[in-house]
Amino acid sequence: MRNLNDYIKNPTHKLIAEAYKNAKTPEELQAAKQYQQEFQDAMTPEEKEAFNKEFMEEHYRILAAMDEDISEWKSEVIRKKLGDAPRFINWTQIATTYFGKSQSWLMQRLNGNKVNGKEACFNEAEVKQLESALHDLGRQLLSIAL
């Protein structure tokens, strides 16, 4: 996962973010707020509007990137949890039956392959669908166990 500062492009935003990040006590948090307030008080209304617009855009970009990081992390957790099981599972059946997709689509996500320059990973609904599929298969296997 990337560091929050990797997402922040504006140098002033970085300084303000660092002040908040380094605040360990209520007094230090208050000092960070004061620093931000003094910085903004020195701006003209037009500068303040531009600053706040850029600040919001930057935070939307951060949230989107963090969502992507979380998806990649979840896919890695799934790969680790599956261990050697993929050798014994018919992934074509799972892909078509539970996802309505091809085996290659499912394997790209399980293996973390690059697709269009990005690591293929499961979204939140797909993680739940995979979990449900594996539970269903487990129940079926238990029902036929001797």
N, C-alpha and C. Protein backbone atom coordinates (compact mmCIF):
# COMPACT_ATOMS: atom_id res chain seq x y z
N MET A 1 0.83 -1.18 0.00
CA MET A 1 0.00 0.00 0.00
C MET A 1 0.88 1.24 0.00
N ARG A 2 0.35 2.25 -0.63
CA ARG A 2 1.09 3.50 -0.73
C ARG A 2 0.89 4.35 0.51
N ASN A 3 1.79 5.30 0.69
CA ASN A 3 1.72 6.26 1.77
C ASN A 3 0.75 7.37 1.36
N LEU A 4 0.01 7.92 2.30
CA LEU A 4 -0.93 9.00 2.00
C LEU A 4 -0.27 10.14 1.24
N ASN A 5 0.96 10.48 1.61
CA ASN A 5 1.65 11.58 0.94
C ASN A 5 1.94 11.29 -0.53
N ASP A 6 1.93 10.01 -0.93
CA ASP A 6 2.13 9.68 -2.34
C ASP A 6 0.98 10.22 -3.20
N TYR A 7 -0.17 10.44 -2.59
CA TYR A 7 -1.34 10.90 -3.32
C TYR A 7 -1.46 12.41 -3.37
N ILE A 8 -0.87 13.09 -2.41
CA ILE A 8 -1.03 14.54 -2.29
C ILE A 8 -0.01 15.24 -3.19
N LYS A 9 -0.50 16.07 -4.08
CA LYS A 9 0.37 16.73 -5.04
C LYS A 9 0.72 18.17 -4.62
N ASN A 10 -0.22 18.89 -4.04
CA ASN A 10 -0.01 20.27 -3.64
C ASN A 10 0.93 20.33 -2.43
N PRO A 11 2.06 21.06 -2.54
CA PRO A 11 3.02 21.11 -1.42
C PRO A 11 2.42 21.67 -0.13
N THR A 12 1.54 22.65 -0.24
CA THR A 12 0.92 23.21 0.96
C THR A 12 0.00 22.19 1.61
N HIS A 13 -0.75 21.45 0.80
CA HIS A 13 -1.61 20.40 1.34
C HIS A 13 -0.77 19.37 2.08
N LYS A 14 0.42 19.08 1.52
CA LYS A 14 1.32 18.12 2.18
C LYS A 14 1.74 18.64 3.56
N LEU A 15 2.09 19.91 3.63
CA LEU A 15 2.51 20.47 4.91
C LEU A 15 1.38 20.40 5.95
N ILE A 16 0.19 20.75 5.52
CA ILE A 16 -0.96 20.70 6.43
C ILE A 16 -1.24 19.26 6.85
N ALA A 17 -1.21 18.33 5.87
CA ALA A 17 -1.45 16.92 6.18
C ALA A 17 -0.39 16.39 7.16
N GLU A 18 0.85 16.79 6.97
CA GLU A 18 1.94 16.37 7.88
C GLU A 18 1.70 16.91 9.29
N ALA A 19 1.24 18.15 9.39
CA ALA A 19 0.98 18.73 10.70
C ALA A 19 -0.09 17.91 11.44
N TYR A 20 -1.15 17.53 10.72
CA TYR A 20 -2.20 16.70 11.33
C TYR A 20 -1.68 15.30 11.66
N LYS A 21 -0.91 14.72 10.72
CA LYS A 21 -0.39 13.37 10.92
C LYS A 21 0.54 13.30 12.13
N ASN A 22 1.34 14.32 12.32
CA ASN A 22 2.31 14.31 13.41
C ASN A 22 1.72 14.72 14.76
N ALA A 23 0.48 15.18 14.76
CA ALA A 23 -0.16 15.60 16.02
C ALA A 23 -0.46 14.37 16.87
N LYS A 24 0.15 14.31 18.04
CA LYS A 24 -0.03 13.17 18.94
C LYS A 24 -0.84 13.52 20.18
N THR A 25 -0.98 14.79 20.45
CA THR A 25 -1.71 15.23 21.63
C THR A 25 -2.80 16.20 21.19
N PRO A 26 -3.78 16.46 22.05
CA PRO A 26 -4.81 17.45 21.70
C PRO A 26 -4.20 18.83 21.39
N GLU A 27 -3.14 19.17 22.10
CA GLU A 27 -2.49 20.47 21.88
C GLU A 27 -1.85 20.53 20.49
N GLU A 28 -1.20 19.44 20.11
CA GLU A 28 -0.58 19.39 18.78
C GLU A 28 -1.64 19.39 17.67
N LEU A 29 -2.77 18.74 17.92
CA LEU A 29 -3.87 18.76 16.96
C LEU A 29 -4.41 20.18 16.82
N GLN A 30 -4.55 20.87 17.93
CA GLN A 30 -5.00 22.26 17.91
C GLN A 30 -4.01 23.13 17.15
N ALA A 31 -2.72 22.88 17.33
CA ALA A 31 -1.69 23.64 16.62
C ALA A 31 -1.77 23.39 15.11
N ALA A 32 -2.06 22.16 14.72
CA ALA A 32 -2.22 21.85 13.29
C ALA A 32 -3.43 22.59 12.72
N LYS A 33 -4.52 22.62 13.47
CA LYS A 33 -5.72 23.35 13.03
C LYS A 33 -5.41 24.83 12.91
N GLN A 34 -4.67 25.35 13.88
CA GLN A 34 -4.28 26.77 13.87
C GLN A 34 -3.42 27.08 12.64
N TYR A 35 -2.47 26.20 12.35
CA TYR A 35 -1.60 26.36 11.18
C TYR A 35 -2.44 26.42 9.91
N GLN A 36 -3.39 25.52 9.77
CA GLN A 36 -4.26 25.51 8.59
C GLN A 36 -5.09 26.78 8.54
N GLN A 37 -5.63 27.19 9.68
CA GLN A 37 -6.48 28.38 9.72
C GLN A 37 -5.69 29.64 9.34
N GLU A 38 -4.48 29.76 9.86
CA GLU A 38 -3.64 30.92 9.54
C GLU A 38 -3.30 30.95 8.05
N PHE A 39 -3.02 29.79 7.52
CA PHE A 39 -2.71 29.71 6.10
C PHE A 39 -3.91 30.17 5.27
N GLN A 40 -5.09 29.69 5.62
CA GLN A 40 -6.29 30.03 4.86
C GLN A 40 -6.72 31.49 5.10
N ASP A 41 -6.50 32.00 6.29
CA ASP A 41 -6.86 33.38 6.58
C ASP A 41 -6.05 34.37 5.74
N ALA A 42 -4.85 33.97 5.34
CA ALA A 42 -4.00 34.85 4.54
C ALA A 42 -4.39 34.86 3.06
N MET A 43 -5.35 34.04 2.69
CA MET A 43 -5.76 33.95 1.28
C MET A 43 -6.86 34.94 0.95
N THR A 44 -6.90 35.30 -0.33
CA THR A 44 -8.04 36.07 -0.83
C THR A 44 -9.20 35.07 -0.99
N PRO A 45 -10.43 35.58 -1.10
CA PRO A 45 -11.56 34.66 -1.31
C PRO A 45 -11.37 33.76 -2.55
N GLU A 46 -10.80 34.32 -3.61
CA GLU A 46 -10.59 33.54 -4.82
C GLU A 46 -9.55 32.43 -4.59
N GLU A 47 -8.48 32.78 -3.87
CA GLU A 47 -7.44 31.78 -3.57
C GLU A 47 -8.00 30.68 -2.67
N LYS A 48 -8.82 31.10 -1.70
CA LYS A 48 -9.41 30.13 -0.78
C LYS A 48 -10.34 29.17 -1.54
N GLU A 49 -11.13 29.71 -2.46
CA GLU A 49 -12.04 28.87 -3.25
C GLU A 49 -11.25 27.88 -4.10
N ALA A 50 -10.19 28.36 -4.75
CA ALA A 50 -9.34 27.49 -5.58
C ALA A 50 -8.65 26.43 -4.71
N PHE A 51 -8.14 26.86 -3.56
CA PHE A 51 -7.47 25.94 -2.64
C PHE A 51 -8.43 24.84 -2.20
N ASN A 52 -9.63 25.21 -1.77
CA ASN A 52 -10.60 24.23 -1.30
C ASN A 52 -11.06 23.30 -2.42
N LYS A 53 -11.21 23.82 -3.62
CA LYS A 53 -11.59 22.98 -4.76
C LYS A 53 -10.51 21.94 -5.03
N GLU A 54 -9.27 22.40 -5.07
CA GLU A 54 -8.14 21.49 -5.32
C GLU A 54 -8.02 20.48 -4.17
N PHE A 55 -8.25 20.94 -2.94
CA PHE A 55 -8.18 20.08 -1.76
C PHE A 55 -9.20 18.96 -1.87
N MET A 56 -10.43 19.29 -2.27
CA MET A 56 -11.48 18.28 -2.42
C MET A 56 -11.14 17.30 -3.54
N GLU A 57 -10.68 17.81 -4.67
CA GLU A 57 -10.31 16.94 -5.78
C GLU A 57 -9.20 15.97 -5.36
N GLU A 58 -8.24 16.50 -4.62
CA GLU A 58 -7.14 15.68 -4.14
C GLU A 58 -7.65 14.57 -3.22
N HIS A 59 -8.59 14.89 -2.36
CA HIS A 59 -9.12 13.89 -1.44
C HIS A 59 -9.99 12.86 -2.14
N TYR A 60 -10.72 13.24 -3.16
CA TYR A 60 -11.46 12.25 -3.95
C TYR A 60 -10.48 11.30 -4.64
N ARG A 61 -9.38 11.84 -5.13
CA ARG A 61 -8.35 11.02 -5.77
C ARG A 61 -7.74 10.06 -4.74
N ILE A 62 -7.50 10.55 -3.53
CA ILE A 62 -6.95 9.72 -2.45
C ILE A 62 -7.91 8.58 -2.12
N LEU A 63 -9.18 8.91 -1.97
CA LEU A 63 -10.18 7.87 -1.63
C LEU A 63 -10.27 6.81 -2.72
N ALA A 64 -10.25 7.23 -3.98
CA ALA A 64 -10.31 6.27 -5.08
C ALA A 64 -9.08 5.37 -5.07
N ALA A 65 -7.92 5.94 -4.84
CA ALA A 65 -6.68 5.15 -4.81
C ALA A 65 -6.68 4.20 -3.62
N MET A 66 -7.21 4.65 -2.49
CA MET A 66 -7.26 3.79 -1.32
C MET A 66 -8.23 2.63 -1.55
N ASP A 67 -9.34 2.88 -2.22
CA ASP A 67 -10.27 1.80 -2.57
C ASP A 67 -9.56 0.76 -3.43
N GLU A 68 -8.75 1.23 -4.35
CA GLU A 68 -7.99 0.33 -5.22
C GLU A 68 -6.99 -0.49 -4.40
N ASP A 69 -6.31 0.17 -3.47
CA ASP A 69 -5.36 -0.54 -2.61
C ASP A 69 -6.06 -1.60 -1.77
N ILE A 70 -7.22 -1.27 -1.25
CA ILE A 70 -7.98 -2.22 -0.42
C ILE A 70 -8.39 -3.43 -1.25
N SER A 71 -8.84 -3.20 -2.49
CA SER A 71 -9.21 -4.31 -3.37
C SER A 71 -8.01 -5.21 -3.65
N GLU A 72 -6.85 -4.60 -3.91
CA GLU A 72 -5.64 -5.40 -4.16
C GLU A 72 -5.27 -6.20 -2.91
N TRP A 73 -5.38 -5.58 -1.75
CA TRP A 73 -5.06 -6.26 -0.51
C TRP A 73 -6.01 -7.44 -0.28
N LYS A 74 -7.30 -7.24 -0.52
CA LYS A 74 -8.27 -8.33 -0.34
C LYS A 74 -7.96 -9.48 -1.29
N SER A 75 -7.60 -9.17 -2.53
CA SER A 75 -7.26 -10.22 -3.48
C SER A 75 -6.04 -11.00 -3.00
N GLU A 76 -5.07 -10.31 -2.42
CA GLU A 76 -3.88 -10.99 -1.89
C GLU A 76 -4.26 -11.89 -0.72
N VAL A 77 -5.14 -11.44 0.15
CA VAL A 77 -5.60 -12.25 1.27
C VAL A 77 -6.30 -13.50 0.76
N ILE A 78 -7.13 -13.35 -0.26
CA ILE A 78 -7.84 -14.50 -0.84
C ILE A 78 -6.83 -15.51 -1.38
N ARG A 79 -5.82 -15.03 -2.11
CA ARG A 79 -4.81 -15.94 -2.67
C ARG A 79 -4.11 -16.72 -1.56
N LYS A 80 -3.77 -16.04 -0.48
CA LYS A 80 -3.08 -16.70 0.63
C LYS A 80 -3.99 -17.72 1.32
N LYS A 81 -5.25 -17.36 1.52
CA LYS A 81 -6.18 -18.26 2.18
C LYS A 81 -6.43 -19.52 1.35
N LEU A 82 -6.45 -19.38 0.03
CA LEU A 82 -6.72 -20.53 -0.83
C LEU A 82 -5.57 -21.53 -0.80
N GLY A 83 -4.35 -21.05 -0.59
CA GLY A 83 -3.20 -21.95 -0.51
C GLY A 83 -3.09 -22.86 -1.72
N ASP A 84 -3.04 -24.17 -1.49
CA ASP A 84 -2.92 -25.16 -2.57
C ASP A 84 -4.27 -25.56 -3.16
N ALA A 85 -5.36 -25.12 -2.58
CA ALA A 85 -6.69 -25.53 -3.03
C ALA A 85 -6.94 -25.29 -4.52
N PRO A 86 -6.42 -24.23 -5.12
CA PRO A 86 -6.73 -24.02 -6.54
C PRO A 86 -6.37 -25.19 -7.46
N ARG A 87 -5.41 -26.02 -7.05
CA ARG A 87 -5.05 -27.17 -7.88
C ARG A 87 -6.16 -28.20 -7.93
N PHE A 88 -7.05 -28.20 -6.93
CA PHE A 88 -8.07 -29.24 -6.83
C PHE A 88 -9.48 -28.76 -7.16
N ILE A 89 -9.60 -27.52 -7.58
CA ILE A 89 -10.93 -26.93 -7.82
C ILE A 89 -11.13 -26.68 -9.31
N ASN A 90 -12.34 -26.96 -9.78
CA ASN A 90 -12.69 -26.70 -11.17
C ASN A 90 -13.12 -25.23 -11.27
N TRP A 91 -12.15 -24.36 -11.60
CA TRP A 91 -12.40 -22.92 -11.62
C TRP A 91 -13.30 -22.52 -12.79
N THR A 92 -13.31 -23.31 -13.85
CA THR A 92 -14.20 -23.01 -14.98
C THR A 92 -15.65 -23.09 -14.52
N GLN A 93 -15.97 -24.14 -13.75
CA GLN A 93 -17.33 -24.29 -13.24
C GLN A 93 -17.70 -23.15 -12.29
N ILE A 94 -16.79 -22.78 -11.42
CA ILE A 94 -17.07 -21.69 -10.48
C ILE A 94 -17.28 -20.38 -11.25
N ALA A 95 -16.39 -20.13 -12.22
CA ALA A 95 -16.49 -18.88 -13.00
C ALA A 95 -17.83 -18.79 -13.71
N THR A 96 -18.24 -19.87 -14.35
CA THR A 96 -19.49 -19.81 -15.14
C THR A 96 -20.72 -19.91 -14.26
N THR A 97 -20.70 -20.82 -13.28
CA THR A 97 -21.88 -21.04 -12.44
C THR A 97 -22.16 -19.89 -11.49
N TYR A 98 -21.12 -19.39 -10.83
CA TYR A 98 -21.33 -18.39 -9.78
C TYR A 98 -21.13 -16.95 -10.24
N PHE A 99 -20.36 -16.75 -11.31
CA PHE A 99 -20.07 -15.39 -11.76
C PHE A 99 -20.59 -15.10 -13.15
N GLY A 100 -20.90 -16.14 -13.93
CA GLY A 100 -21.31 -15.93 -15.31
C GLY A 100 -20.17 -15.36 -16.15
N LYS A 101 -18.95 -15.73 -15.79
CA LYS A 101 -17.75 -15.23 -16.47
C LYS A 101 -16.90 -16.41 -16.94
N SER A 102 -15.82 -16.09 -17.64
CA SER A 102 -14.91 -17.13 -18.13
C SER A 102 -13.91 -17.51 -17.04
N GLN A 103 -13.28 -18.67 -17.25
CA GLN A 103 -12.24 -19.10 -16.32
C GLN A 103 -11.09 -18.10 -16.32
N SER A 104 -10.74 -17.57 -17.48
CA SER A 104 -9.62 -16.62 -17.54
C SER A 104 -9.92 -15.37 -16.71
N TRP A 105 -11.17 -14.90 -16.72
CA TRP A 105 -11.56 -13.74 -15.90
C TRP A 105 -11.30 -14.04 -14.43
N LEU A 106 -11.73 -15.21 -13.99
CA LEU A 106 -11.56 -15.58 -12.59
C LEU A 106 -10.10 -15.78 -12.24
N MET A 107 -9.34 -16.45 -13.11
CA MET A 107 -7.93 -16.71 -12.83
C MET A 107 -7.11 -15.41 -12.81
N GLN A 108 -7.49 -14.45 -13.63
CA GLN A 108 -6.79 -13.15 -13.60
C GLN A 108 -6.89 -12.54 -12.21
N ARG A 109 -8.05 -12.64 -11.60
CA ARG A 109 -8.25 -12.07 -10.27
C ARG A 109 -7.58 -12.91 -9.19
N LEU A 110 -7.68 -14.21 -9.31
CA LEU A 110 -7.04 -15.08 -8.32
C LEU A 110 -5.52 -14.94 -8.35
N ASN A 111 -4.96 -14.76 -9.53
CA ASN A 111 -3.51 -14.69 -9.67
C ASN A 111 -2.96 -13.26 -9.62
N GLY A 112 -3.85 -12.26 -9.63
CA GLY A 112 -3.40 -10.87 -9.60
C GLY A 112 -2.71 -10.44 -10.88
N ASN A 113 -3.16 -11.01 -12.02
CA ASN A 113 -2.55 -10.66 -13.30
C ASN A 113 -2.82 -9.21 -13.67
N LYS A 114 -1.93 -8.64 -14.45
CA LYS A 114 -2.13 -7.27 -14.96
C LYS A 114 -3.11 -7.33 -16.13
N VAL A 115 -4.14 -6.50 -16.06
CA VAL A 115 -5.12 -6.37 -17.13
C VAL A 115 -5.25 -4.88 -17.41
N ASN A 116 -4.97 -4.48 -18.64
CA ASN A 116 -4.99 -3.06 -19.01
C ASN A 116 -4.10 -2.23 -18.09
N GLY A 117 -2.96 -2.80 -17.71
CA GLY A 117 -1.99 -2.05 -16.91
C GLY A 117 -2.25 -2.02 -15.41
N LYS A 118 -3.35 -2.66 -14.96
CA LYS A 118 -3.67 -2.68 -13.53
C LYS A 118 -3.82 -4.11 -13.07
N GLU A 119 -3.52 -4.33 -11.78
CA GLU A 119 -3.71 -5.67 -11.24
C GLU A 119 -5.19 -5.98 -11.17
N ALA A 120 -5.57 -7.12 -11.76
CA ALA A 120 -6.97 -7.55 -11.71
C ALA A 120 -7.27 -8.00 -10.28
N CYS A 121 -8.35 -7.50 -9.72
CA CYS A 121 -8.72 -7.90 -8.37
C CYS A 121 -10.24 -7.91 -8.24
N PHE A 122 -10.70 -8.56 -7.19
CA PHE A 122 -12.13 -8.67 -6.94
C PHE A 122 -12.67 -7.38 -6.32
N ASN A 123 -13.88 -6.99 -6.72
CA ASN A 123 -14.53 -5.89 -6.01
C ASN A 123 -15.26 -6.49 -4.81
N GLU A 124 -15.86 -5.66 -4.00
CA GLU A 124 -16.51 -6.12 -2.76
C GLU A 124 -17.57 -7.18 -3.02
N ALA A 125 -18.43 -6.96 -4.02
CA ALA A 125 -19.49 -7.93 -4.32
C ALA A 125 -18.89 -9.25 -4.80
N GLU A 126 -17.83 -9.19 -5.58
CA GLU A 126 -17.20 -10.41 -6.09
C GLU A 126 -16.53 -11.21 -4.98
N VAL A 127 -15.97 -10.52 -4.00
CA VAL A 127 -15.37 -11.21 -2.84
C VAL A 127 -16.47 -12.00 -2.13
N LYS A 128 -17.60 -11.37 -1.91
CA LYS A 128 -18.72 -12.05 -1.24
C LYS A 128 -19.25 -13.21 -2.08
N GLN A 129 -19.30 -13.00 -3.40
CA GLN A 129 -19.77 -14.06 -4.30
C GLN A 129 -18.82 -15.26 -4.27
N LEU A 130 -17.51 -15.00 -4.26
CA LEU A 130 -16.53 -16.08 -4.20
C LEU A 130 -16.65 -16.82 -2.87
N GLU A 131 -16.78 -16.07 -1.80
CA GLU A 131 -16.95 -16.69 -0.48
C GLU A 131 -18.19 -17.59 -0.46
N SER A 132 -19.28 -17.09 -1.01
CA SER A 132 -20.51 -17.86 -1.07
C SER A 132 -20.33 -19.12 -1.93
N ALA A 133 -19.64 -18.98 -3.06
CA ALA A 133 -19.40 -20.13 -3.94
C ALA A 133 -18.59 -21.20 -3.22
N LEU A 134 -17.54 -20.79 -2.52
CA LEU A 134 -16.70 -21.76 -1.81
C LEU A 134 -17.45 -22.42 -0.66
N HIS A 135 -18.29 -21.67 0.04
CA HIS A 135 -19.13 -22.27 1.09
C HIS A 135 -20.09 -23.28 0.48
N ASP A 136 -20.69 -22.92 -0.64
CA ASP A 136 -21.63 -23.82 -1.31
C ASP A 136 -20.93 -25.11 -1.72
N LEU A 137 -19.74 -24.99 -2.30
CA LEU A 137 -18.98 -26.18 -2.69
C LEU A 137 -18.62 -27.03 -1.47
N GLY A 138 -18.25 -26.37 -0.40
CA GLY A 138 -17.92 -27.09 0.83
C GLY A 138 -19.12 -27.87 1.37
N ARG A 139 -20.28 -27.23 1.34
CA ARG A 139 -21.50 -27.92 1.80
C ARG A 139 -21.80 -29.13 0.90
N GLN A 140 -21.63 -28.96 -0.41
CA GLN A 140 -21.87 -30.08 -1.33
C GLN A 140 -20.91 -31.22 -1.07
N LEU A 141 -19.64 -30.92 -0.83
CA LEU A 141 -18.66 -31.97 -0.56
C LEU A 141 -18.96 -32.67 0.76
N LEU A 142 -19.34 -31.91 1.78
CA LEU A 142 -19.67 -32.52 3.06
C LEU A 142 -20.89 -33.44 2.95
N SER A 143 -21.84 -33.08 2.12
CA SER A 143 -23.06 -33.87 2.00
C SER A 143 -22.80 -35.22 1.33
N ILE A 144 -21.72 -35.34 0.57
CA ILE A 144 -21.43 -36.60 -0.09
C ILE A 144 -20.29 -37.37 0.57
N ALA A 145 -19.66 -36.79 1.59
CA ALA A 145 -18.55 -37.46 2.27
C ALA A 145 -19.03 -38.73 2.93
N LEU A 146 -18.23 -39.76 2.84
CA LEU A 146 -18.61 -41.06 3.42
C LEU A 146 -18.34 -41.11 4.90
